[in-house]
């Protein structure tokens, strides 16, 4: 495998600003190849400052975006669906601005917005149309989109790797692929080897995230199965650690993090990179 190791900055909260540059410095010092920055409407100046600091440290960037109820691409309200396109295009612009060539996340529907029913064909097609429109826009900027299948407690449109591949195939763009996350796969995909084998042609990003969102190797994710499968498909791309804490109330509420499954952020990123290197 030809991979790069990254750290998702959500461990320090939803809104990442130049105040977090010392964290970038610490991550570079222990050997990370890059950082994953949530693009949530920061000022252009803040984004520029962070990108410049990363350049100085030799850190590449990936980006993650979020979709709220007011910009839900599967809303029955056409104006909300139109706003969803504008929202994702802005995230693409911000990702490009910080030097990220991939934007990932559960961007196909609003997070934790449920109908109480199974997804309809109309909702599915609304999402596909929106993703195709935004995918074409991103393609012109040299940005890829990674669709992260999320567990049933967070979304209802796409919960498994197979469903995600079906959406990617329907969108039909080379720059739109499956974002595989070990936390969600641990809940929704019973056979990790088969799941990764089935998406090998379209997987374009990987999150390494423990079952309890804490330090890698201290939860219930089957890491041997995941790394064996990634090697079997000769995955090429980013391996990004994603962990969440409860210091940011908004993030804690969104991810249902009521306790920290780690002793410190340093534990997460220092032990995490050692954990990955040992398995590579």
Protein backbone atom coordinates (compact mmCIF):
# COMPACT_ATOMS: atom_id res chain seq x y z
CA UNK A 1 0.00 0.00 0.00
CA UNK A 2 1.14 3.53 -0.77
CA UNK A 3 -0.53 5.55 1.98
CA UNK A 4 -0.26 8.83 3.84
CA UNK A 5 -1.18 9.20 7.50
CA UNK A 6 -3.37 12.12 8.58
CA UNK A 7 -5.10 13.42 11.69
CA UNK A 8 -8.65 14.74 11.67
CA UNK A 9 -8.78 18.03 13.58
CA UNK A 10 -12.29 17.41 14.93
CA UNK A 11 -10.62 16.02 18.05
CA UNK A 12 -10.07 19.69 18.95
CA UNK A 13 -13.55 20.88 17.95
CA UNK A 14 -15.68 21.77 14.96
CA UNK A 15 -14.21 25.19 14.21
CA UNK A 16 -10.50 24.99 13.56
CA UNK A 17 -8.68 28.32 13.38
CA UNK A 18 -5.09 29.63 13.47
CA UNK A 19 -5.25 29.11 17.24
CA UNK A 20 -4.73 25.43 16.43
CA UNK A 21 -1.42 25.94 14.61
CA UNK A 22 0.48 24.64 17.70
CA UNK A 23 -1.46 21.38 17.21
CA UNK A 24 -0.30 21.27 13.59
CA UNK A 25 3.26 21.69 14.85
CA UNK A 26 2.88 18.80 17.29
CA UNK A 27 1.41 16.54 14.60
CA UNK A 28 4.23 17.35 12.20
CA UNK A 29 6.79 16.66 14.92
CA UNK A 30 5.58 13.08 15.43
CA UNK A 31 5.51 12.37 11.71
CA UNK A 32 2.03 12.96 10.32
CA UNK A 33 1.83 13.58 6.58
CA UNK A 34 -1.17 15.85 6.84
CA UNK A 35 -4.18 17.20 8.70
CA UNK A 36 -7.89 17.00 7.93
CA UNK A 37 -9.54 20.37 8.46
CA UNK A 38 -13.31 20.86 8.78
CA UNK A 39 -14.43 23.67 6.47
CA UNK A 40 -17.27 25.30 8.36
CA UNK A 41 -17.29 28.86 7.08
CA UNK A 42 -14.00 30.15 8.52
CA UNK A 43 -12.79 33.45 7.11
CA UNK A 44 -10.54 33.40 4.07
CA UNK A 45 -7.80 34.96 6.18
CA UNK A 46 -8.00 32.18 8.77
CA UNK A 47 -7.95 29.52 6.06
CA UNK A 48 -5.00 31.19 4.36
CA UNK A 49 -3.07 31.43 7.62
CA UNK A 50 -3.63 27.76 8.44
CA UNK A 51 -2.71 26.61 4.94
CA UNK A 52 0.48 28.66 5.03
CA UNK A 53 1.42 27.23 8.42
CA UNK A 54 0.86 23.70 7.10
CA UNK A 55 3.03 24.44 4.07
CA UNK A 56 5.82 25.59 6.37
CA UNK A 57 5.48 22.37 8.39
CA UNK A 58 5.30 20.08 5.37
CA UNK A 59 1.72 19.03 6.16
CA UNK A 60 -0.68 18.25 3.32
CA UNK A 61 -4.39 18.88 3.80
CA UNK A 62 -7.66 17.05 3.35
CA UNK A 63 -11.03 18.61 4.18
CA UNK A 64 -14.29 17.50 5.75
CA UNK A 65 -17.71 19.14 5.39
CA UNK A 66 -21.07 18.94 7.14
CA UNK A 67 -24.68 19.21 6.01
CA UNK A 68 -27.35 20.64 8.31
CA UNK A 69 -31.13 20.61 8.12
CA UNK A 70 -31.25 24.02 6.44
CA UNK A 71 -29.20 22.72 3.51
CA UNK A 72 -30.55 19.18 3.31
CA UNK A 73 -30.17 17.84 -0.25
CA UNK A 74 -33.03 15.37 0.25
CA UNK A 75 -35.50 17.88 1.66
CA UNK A 76 -38.93 17.95 -0.04
CA UNK A 77 -38.50 21.73 -0.22
CA UNK A 78 -36.83 22.71 -3.54
CA UNK A 79 -35.35 25.89 -2.05
CA UNK A 80 -33.61 23.87 0.66
CA UNK A 81 -32.22 21.49 -1.97
CA UNK A 82 -30.96 24.47 -3.97
CA UNK A 83 -29.28 25.83 -0.83
CA UNK A 84 -27.64 22.43 -0.38
CA UNK A 85 -25.88 22.79 -3.73
CA UNK A 86 -24.60 26.24 -2.80
CA UNK A 87 -23.43 24.93 0.58
CA UNK A 88 -21.41 22.08 -0.87
CA UNK A 89 -19.95 24.25 -3.62
CA UNK A 90 -18.73 26.67 -0.93
CA UNK A 91 -17.12 23.78 0.92
CA UNK A 92 -15.42 22.70 -2.31
CA UNK A 93 -14.11 26.25 -2.77
CA UNK A 94 -12.76 26.32 0.80
CA UNK A 95 -11.15 22.90 0.40
CA UNK A 96 -9.43 24.05 -2.77
CA UNK A 97 -8.35 27.27 -1.04
CA UNK A 98 -6.51 25.41 1.75
CA UNK A 99 -4.81 23.12 -0.75
CA UNK A 100 -6.94 20.01 -0.15
CA UNK A 101 -7.64 17.82 -3.16
CA UNK A 102 -10.38 15.82 -1.43
CA UNK A 103 -13.49 16.84 0.53
CA UNK A 104 -15.15 14.10 2.56
CA UNK A 105 -18.03 13.39 4.91
CA UNK A 106 -21.67 12.37 5.01
CA UNK A 107 -22.50 15.07 2.50
CA UNK A 108 -25.40 13.27 0.78
CA UNK A 109 -28.03 14.18 3.42
CA UNK A 110 -28.42 16.32 6.53
CA UNK A 111 -26.81 14.82 9.61
CA UNK A 112 -29.22 13.36 12.17
CA UNK A 113 -32.32 14.44 10.25
CA UNK A 114 -34.72 11.50 9.96
CA UNK A 115 -38.07 10.94 8.31
CA UNK A 116 -38.93 7.98 10.53
CA UNK A 117 -39.24 5.86 7.39
CA UNK A 118 -37.00 4.11 4.91
CA UNK A 119 -35.41 6.40 2.31
CA UNK A 120 -37.58 6.83 -0.75
CA UNK A 121 -36.49 6.53 -4.36
CA UNK A 122 -37.23 10.23 -4.74
CA UNK A 123 -34.88 11.12 -1.86
CA UNK A 124 -32.19 8.87 -3.30
CA UNK A 125 -32.44 10.51 -6.71
CA UNK A 126 -32.46 14.01 -5.24
CA UNK A 127 -29.19 13.20 -3.50
CA UNK A 128 -27.67 11.69 -6.64
CA UNK A 129 -28.61 14.73 -8.73
CA UNK A 130 -27.14 17.10 -6.13
CA UNK A 131 -23.94 15.06 -5.86
CA UNK A 132 -23.55 14.96 -9.62
CA UNK A 133 -23.99 18.74 -9.87
CA UNK A 134 -21.49 19.38 -7.08
CA UNK A 135 -19.17 16.66 -8.33
CA UNK A 136 -18.91 18.30 -11.74
CA UNK A 137 -18.23 21.62 -10.00
CA UNK A 138 -15.53 20.03 -7.84
CA UNK A 139 -13.98 18.30 -10.84
CA UNK A 140 -13.30 21.69 -12.43
CA UNK A 141 -11.34 22.67 -9.31
CA UNK A 142 -9.41 19.41 -9.10
CA UNK A 143 -11.23 18.37 -5.92
CA UNK A 144 -12.50 14.86 -5.24
CA UNK A 145 -15.55 14.06 -3.11
CA UNK A 146 -15.54 11.15 -0.65
CA UNK A 147 -19.01 10.00 0.41
CA UNK A 148 -18.81 8.64 3.95
CA UNK A 149 -21.43 6.02 4.74
CA UNK A 150 -22.62 6.70 8.29
CA UNK A 151 -24.34 4.41 10.77
CA UNK A 152 -28.10 4.20 11.21
CA UNK A 153 -28.05 6.45 14.27
CA UNK A 154 -26.71 9.38 12.23
CA UNK A 155 -28.34 9.12 8.78
CA UNK A 156 -30.83 6.95 6.96
CA UNK A 157 -30.02 7.35 3.26
CA UNK A 158 -26.67 5.53 3.12
CA UNK A 159 -25.54 3.23 5.93
CA UNK A 160 -23.36 0.56 4.29
CA UNK A 161 -20.41 0.40 1.96
CA UNK A 162 -22.59 -1.33 -0.65
CA UNK A 163 -25.20 1.43 -0.54
CA UNK A 164 -22.46 4.01 -0.83
CA UNK A 165 -20.99 2.29 -3.88
CA UNK A 166 -24.45 2.20 -5.44
CA UNK A 167 -24.70 5.98 -5.03
CA UNK A 168 -21.20 6.53 -6.41
CA UNK A 169 -22.01 4.35 -9.41
CA UNK A 170 -25.22 6.29 -10.06
CA UNK A 171 -23.43 9.66 -9.81
CA UNK A 172 -20.94 8.31 -12.32
CA UNK A 173 -18.04 10.72 -11.88
CA UNK A 174 -14.40 9.70 -11.53
CA UNK A 175 -13.83 12.25 -8.75
CA UNK A 176 -16.68 10.98 -6.55
CA UNK A 177 -15.89 7.90 -4.48
CA UNK A 178 -16.57 6.00 -1.26
CA UNK A 179 -15.13 7.26 2.01
CA UNK A 180 -14.68 4.18 4.22
CA UNK A 181 -14.77 4.66 8.01
CA UNK A 182 -13.93 1.80 10.40
CA UNK A 183 -16.31 3.10 13.10
CA UNK A 184 -19.36 2.98 10.85
CA UNK A 185 -18.29 -0.25 9.12
CA UNK A 186 -17.93 -1.84 12.56
CA UNK A 187 -21.65 -1.18 13.10
CA UNK A 188 -23.09 -1.71 9.63
CA UNK A 189 -20.83 -4.05 7.60
CA UNK A 190 -20.64 -7.59 9.03
CA UNK A 191 -17.82 -8.73 6.72
CA UNK A 192 -15.03 -6.17 6.53
CA UNK A 193 -13.00 -8.12 3.96
CA UNK A 194 -15.97 -8.44 1.63
CA UNK A 195 -16.97 -4.80 2.14
CA UNK A 196 -13.57 -3.44 1.13
CA UNK A 197 -13.24 -5.91 -1.73
CA UNK A 198 -16.58 -4.76 -3.13
CA UNK A 199 -15.66 -1.05 -3.02
CA UNK A 200 -12.01 -1.37 -4.05
CA UNK A 201 -12.63 0.29 -7.42
CA UNK A 202 -14.25 3.38 -5.87
CA UNK A 203 -12.83 3.83 -2.35
CA UNK A 204 -10.94 7.13 -2.24
CA UNK A 205 -10.51 7.89 1.47
CA UNK A 206 -10.25 5.99 4.76
CA UNK A 207 -10.94 7.04 8.33
CA UNK A 208 -9.45 4.93 11.10
CA UNK A 209 -11.84 5.45 13.99
CA UNK A 210 -12.34 3.29 17.06
CA UNK A 211 -15.72 1.92 18.14
CA UNK A 212 -15.86 4.38 21.05
CA UNK A 213 -14.19 7.21 19.06
CA UNK A 214 -11.09 7.15 21.26
CA UNK A 215 -7.54 5.84 21.02
CA UNK A 216 -7.01 3.27 18.26
CA UNK A 217 -6.69 -0.29 19.52
CA UNK A 218 -8.62 0.24 22.76
CA UNK A 219 -12.12 -0.51 21.49
CA UNK A 220 -13.93 -3.19 19.49
CA UNK A 221 -12.95 -2.50 15.86
CA UNK A 222 -11.36 -5.56 14.22
CA UNK A 223 -8.12 -3.89 13.18
CA UNK A 224 -6.49 -7.08 11.87
CA UNK A 225 -9.39 -7.59 9.47
CA UNK A 226 -9.36 -3.96 8.35
CA UNK A 227 -5.64 -3.74 7.68
CA UNK A 228 -5.57 -7.16 6.00
CA UNK A 229 -8.40 -6.09 3.69
CA UNK A 230 -6.78 -2.74 2.91
CA UNK A 231 -3.57 -4.56 2.00
CA UNK A 232 -5.47 -7.13 -0.06
CA UNK A 233 -7.02 -4.42 -2.24
CA UNK A 234 -3.70 -2.50 -2.27
CA UNK A 235 -5.38 0.67 -1.04
CA UNK A 236 -3.65 3.86 -2.14
CA UNK A 237 -4.49 7.09 -0.34
CA UNK A 238 -5.02 8.63 3.07
CA UNK A 239 -5.40 6.82 6.36
CA UNK A 240 -6.81 9.51 8.65
CA UNK A 241 -7.34 9.04 12.37
CA UNK A 242 -10.73 10.34 13.49
CA UNK A 243 -11.42 10.64 17.21
CA UNK A 244 -13.89 12.81 19.10
CA UNK A 245 -13.88 14.30 22.59
CA UNK A 246 -16.41 16.21 24.67
CA UNK A 247 -14.66 19.57 25.00
CA UNK A 248 -16.71 21.10 22.15
CA UNK A 249 -20.38 20.94 23.25
CA UNK A 250 -21.71 21.14 19.69
CA UNK A 251 -19.51 18.30 18.50
CA UNK A 252 -20.27 16.23 21.60
CA UNK A 253 -23.99 16.61 20.93
CA UNK A 254 -23.64 15.80 17.22
CA UNK A 255 -21.52 12.69 17.81
CA UNK A 256 -23.12 11.64 21.13
CA UNK A 257 -19.79 11.81 22.97
CA UNK A 258 -20.62 11.91 26.66
CA UNK A 259 -17.24 10.66 27.90
CA UNK A 260 -13.72 10.76 26.53
CA UNK A 261 -12.34 7.35 25.55
CA UNK A 262 -8.75 8.58 25.92
CA UNK A 263 -6.60 10.26 28.54
CA UNK A 264 -5.43 13.15 26.36
CA UNK A 265 -5.35 14.28 22.73
CA UNK A 266 -1.63 13.57 22.76
CA UNK A 267 -2.37 9.94 23.57
CA UNK A 268 -4.71 9.72 20.59
CA UNK A 269 -2.30 11.07 17.99
CA UNK A 270 0.98 9.74 19.43
CA UNK A 271 -0.25 6.19 20.04
CA UNK A 272 -2.38 6.36 16.91
CA UNK A 273 0.47 6.91 14.48
CA UNK A 274 2.51 4.18 16.20
CA UNK A 275 -0.49 1.84 15.93
CA UNK A 276 -0.81 2.47 12.19
CA UNK A 277 2.91 2.16 11.47
CA UNK A 278 3.07 -1.17 13.30
CA UNK A 279 0.35 -2.56 11.03
CA UNK A 280 1.81 -1.20 7.84
